Amino acid sequence: MSDARDILEKLIETCRDGETGYLHAAGVAHDPELKAYFQQQSLERARFRVELTDAITRDTSLSCITHTYW
């Protein structure tokens, strides 16, 4: 189970990096459409990050419950 968690944590880090990168790109873009696109991509990476973080939390909770009752 640790391998899956490690992969999820790396994906979370990648999403965080993407979120930051797109937000920076939006900040320096001059074209309004391009700025909006970068902002949208940043928000999407934030949503991905939250979903992956929730997956780790659910997995940890499930592991704890299984260990407790097993």
N, C-alpha and C. Protein backbone atom coordinates (compact mmCIF):
# COMPACT_ATOMS: atom_id res chain seq x y z
N MET A 1 0.83 -1.20 0.00
CA MET A 1 0.00 0.00 0.00
C MET A 1 0.87 1.26 0.00
N SER A 2 2.09 1.13 0.48
CA SER A 2 2.98 2.29 0.52
C SER A 2 3.33 2.77 -0.88
N ASP A 3 3.48 1.83 -1.82
CA ASP A 3 3.79 2.22 -3.20
C ASP A 3 2.69 3.10 -3.78
N ALA A 4 1.44 2.71 -3.55
CA ALA A 4 0.32 3.49 -4.06
C ALA A 4 0.30 4.87 -3.42
N ARG A 5 0.56 4.92 -2.15
CA ARG A 5 0.60 6.22 -1.46
C ARG A 5 1.72 7.10 -2.00
N ASP A 6 2.88 6.50 -2.23
CA ASP A 6 4.01 7.25 -2.79
C ASP A 6 3.66 7.83 -4.16
N ILE A 7 3.01 7.02 -4.97
CA ILE A 7 2.60 7.49 -6.30
C ILE A 7 1.61 8.64 -6.18
N LEU A 8 0.63 8.49 -5.29
CA LEU A 8 -0.35 9.56 -5.10
C LEU A 8 0.32 10.84 -4.61
N GLU A 9 1.28 10.71 -3.70
CA GLU A 9 1.98 11.89 -3.19
C GLU A 9 2.78 12.58 -4.29
N LYS A 10 3.38 11.81 -5.18
CA LYS A 10 4.11 12.40 -6.30
C LYS A 10 3.16 13.10 -7.26
N LEU A 11 2.00 12.49 -7.48
CA LEU A 11 1.00 13.12 -8.34
C LEU A 11 0.48 14.43 -7.72
N ILE A 12 0.31 14.43 -6.41
CA ILE A 12 -0.12 15.64 -5.71
C ILE A 12 0.92 16.74 -5.89
N GLU A 13 2.18 16.38 -5.75
CA GLU A 13 3.26 17.36 -5.92
C GLU A 13 3.27 17.90 -7.36
N THR A 14 3.07 17.01 -8.32
CA THR A 14 3.03 17.41 -9.72
C THR A 14 1.86 18.37 -9.97
N CYS A 15 0.71 18.06 -9.39
CA CYS A 15 -0.46 18.95 -9.54
C CYS A 15 -0.20 20.31 -8.91
N ARG A 16 0.43 20.30 -7.74
CA ARG A 16 0.76 21.57 -7.06
C ARG A 16 1.71 22.40 -7.92
N ASP A 17 2.70 21.74 -8.49
CA ASP A 17 3.64 22.45 -9.37
C ASP A 17 2.92 23.02 -10.59
N GLY A 18 2.03 22.21 -11.18
CA GLY A 18 1.26 22.68 -12.34
C GLY A 18 0.36 23.83 -11.98
N GLU A 19 -0.28 23.72 -10.84
CA GLU A 19 -1.17 24.79 -10.36
C GLU A 19 -0.40 26.10 -10.24
N THR A 20 0.76 26.04 -9.61
CA THR A 20 1.60 27.23 -9.42
C THR A 20 2.10 27.76 -10.76
N GLY A 21 2.54 26.86 -11.62
CA GLY A 21 3.06 27.27 -12.92
C GLY A 21 2.02 27.96 -13.79
N TYR A 22 0.82 27.37 -13.84
CA TYR A 22 -0.25 27.98 -14.62
C TYR A 22 -0.68 29.32 -14.02
N LEU A 23 -0.69 29.41 -12.70
CA LEU A 23 -1.06 30.66 -12.06
C LEU A 23 -0.03 31.75 -12.39
N HIS A 24 1.23 31.38 -12.39
CA HIS A 24 2.28 32.34 -12.76
C HIS A 24 2.12 32.77 -14.22
N ALA A 25 1.86 31.78 -15.09
CA ALA A 25 1.68 32.09 -16.51
C ALA A 25 0.49 33.04 -16.70
N ALA A 26 -0.57 32.84 -15.94
CA ALA A 26 -1.73 33.73 -16.03
C ALA A 26 -1.36 35.14 -15.59
N GLY A 27 -0.48 35.22 -14.61
CA GLY A 27 -0.07 36.52 -14.11
C GLY A 27 0.77 37.32 -15.08
N VAL A 28 1.49 36.65 -15.95
CA VAL A 28 2.35 37.36 -16.89
C VAL A 28 1.77 37.43 -18.30
N ALA A 29 0.67 36.71 -18.53
CA ALA A 29 0.05 36.73 -19.87
C ALA A 29 -0.62 38.08 -20.12
N HIS A 30 -0.52 38.57 -21.33
CA HIS A 30 -1.15 39.84 -21.70
C HIS A 30 -2.48 39.63 -22.40
N ASP A 31 -2.61 38.54 -23.11
CA ASP A 31 -3.84 38.24 -23.84
C ASP A 31 -4.90 37.75 -22.85
N PRO A 32 -6.07 38.39 -22.81
CA PRO A 32 -7.11 38.00 -21.85
C PRO A 32 -7.57 36.54 -22.00
N GLU A 33 -7.65 36.05 -23.23
CA GLU A 33 -8.07 34.66 -23.43
C GLU A 33 -7.02 33.70 -22.90
N LEU A 34 -5.77 34.01 -23.16
CA LEU A 34 -4.68 33.17 -22.68
C LEU A 34 -4.62 33.21 -21.15
N LYS A 35 -4.80 34.40 -20.58
CA LYS A 35 -4.81 34.54 -19.12
C LYS A 35 -5.93 33.69 -18.52
N ALA A 36 -7.12 33.74 -19.11
CA ALA A 36 -8.26 32.95 -18.63
C ALA A 36 -7.97 31.45 -18.75
N TYR A 37 -7.35 31.06 -19.85
CA TYR A 37 -7.01 29.65 -20.05
C TYR A 37 -6.06 29.16 -18.95
N PHE A 38 -5.01 29.93 -18.70
CA PHE A 38 -4.05 29.56 -17.67
C PHE A 38 -4.70 29.51 -16.28
N GLN A 39 -5.59 30.44 -15.99
CA GLN A 39 -6.30 30.42 -14.71
C GLN A 39 -7.16 29.17 -14.59
N GLN A 40 -7.83 28.83 -15.68
CA GLN A 40 -8.68 27.63 -15.68
C GLN A 40 -7.84 26.38 -15.46
N GLN A 41 -6.70 26.30 -16.12
CA GLN A 41 -5.82 25.15 -15.95
C GLN A 41 -5.29 25.07 -14.51
N SER A 42 -4.98 26.20 -13.92
CA SER A 42 -4.52 26.22 -12.54
C SER A 42 -5.60 25.70 -11.60
N LEU A 43 -6.83 26.14 -11.81
CA LEU A 43 -7.94 25.67 -10.98
C LEU A 43 -8.18 24.17 -11.16
N GLU A 44 -8.02 23.70 -12.38
CA GLU A 44 -8.20 22.27 -12.63
C GLU A 44 -7.14 21.45 -11.90
N ARG A 45 -5.89 21.93 -11.91
CA ARG A 45 -4.82 21.23 -11.18
C ARG A 45 -5.10 21.25 -9.68
N ALA A 46 -5.69 22.33 -9.18
CA ALA A 46 -6.05 22.40 -7.76
C ALA A 46 -7.12 21.36 -7.44
N ARG A 47 -8.10 21.21 -8.33
CA ARG A 47 -9.15 20.19 -8.12
C ARG A 47 -8.54 18.79 -8.13
N PHE A 48 -7.65 18.53 -9.07
CA PHE A 48 -6.98 17.23 -9.11
C PHE A 48 -6.25 16.97 -7.81
N ARG A 49 -5.55 17.99 -7.32
CA ARG A 49 -4.78 17.85 -6.08
C ARG A 49 -5.68 17.50 -4.91
N VAL A 50 -6.82 18.16 -4.82
CA VAL A 50 -7.77 17.89 -3.73
C VAL A 50 -8.30 16.46 -3.84
N GLU A 51 -8.64 16.04 -5.03
CA GLU A 51 -9.15 14.68 -5.22
C GLU A 51 -8.11 13.63 -4.84
N LEU A 52 -6.88 13.86 -5.22
CA LEU A 52 -5.81 12.93 -4.86
C LEU A 52 -5.56 12.92 -3.36
N THR A 53 -5.59 14.08 -2.74
CA THR A 53 -5.43 14.16 -1.29
C THR A 53 -6.55 13.43 -0.58
N ASP A 54 -7.77 13.58 -1.07
CA ASP A 54 -8.91 12.85 -0.50
C ASP A 54 -8.73 11.34 -0.66
N ALA A 55 -8.17 10.92 -1.77
CA ALA A 55 -7.94 9.49 -2.00
C ALA A 55 -6.97 8.93 -0.97
N ILE A 56 -5.94 9.69 -0.64
CA ILE A 56 -4.99 9.26 0.39
C ILE A 56 -5.69 9.18 1.74
N THR A 57 -6.51 10.17 2.04
CA THR A 57 -7.23 10.19 3.32
C THR A 57 -8.18 9.01 3.43
N ARG A 58 -8.92 8.75 2.36
CA ARG A 58 -9.85 7.60 2.36
C ARG A 58 -9.09 6.30 2.52
N ASP A 59 -7.97 6.16 1.81
CA ASP A 59 -7.18 4.95 1.87
C ASP A 59 -6.63 4.74 3.28
N THR A 60 -6.14 5.81 3.91
CA THR A 60 -5.61 5.72 5.26
C THR A 60 -6.71 5.35 6.24
N SER A 61 -7.89 5.97 6.07
CA SER A 61 -9.01 5.67 6.96
C SER A 61 -9.44 4.23 6.80
N LEU A 62 -9.51 3.76 5.57
CA LEU A 62 -9.91 2.39 5.31
C LEU A 62 -8.90 1.41 5.89
N SER A 63 -7.62 1.72 5.76
CA SER A 63 -6.57 0.86 6.31
C SER A 63 -6.68 0.80 7.83
N CYS A 64 -6.94 1.93 8.46
CA CYS A 64 -7.08 1.97 9.92
C CYS A 64 -8.29 1.16 10.37
N ILE A 65 -9.39 1.31 9.68
CA ILE A 65 -10.61 0.58 10.03
C ILE A 65 -10.39 -0.91 9.85
N THR A 66 -9.79 -1.29 8.72
CA THR A 66 -9.54 -2.71 8.46
C THR A 66 -8.62 -3.29 9.51
N HIS A 67 -7.56 -2.56 9.86
CA HIS A 67 -6.62 -3.03 10.87
C HIS A 67 -7.30 -3.16 12.23
N THR A 68 -8.15 -2.23 12.56
CA THR A 68 -8.83 -2.25 13.85
C THR A 68 -9.75 -3.47 13.99
N TYR A 69 -10.49 -3.77 12.92
CA TYR A 69 -11.46 -4.85 12.98
C TYR A 69 -10.90 -6.19 12.57
N TRP A 70 -9.72 -6.23 12.02
CA TRP A 70 -9.13 -7.47 11.57
C TRP A 70 -8.44 -8.10 12.75
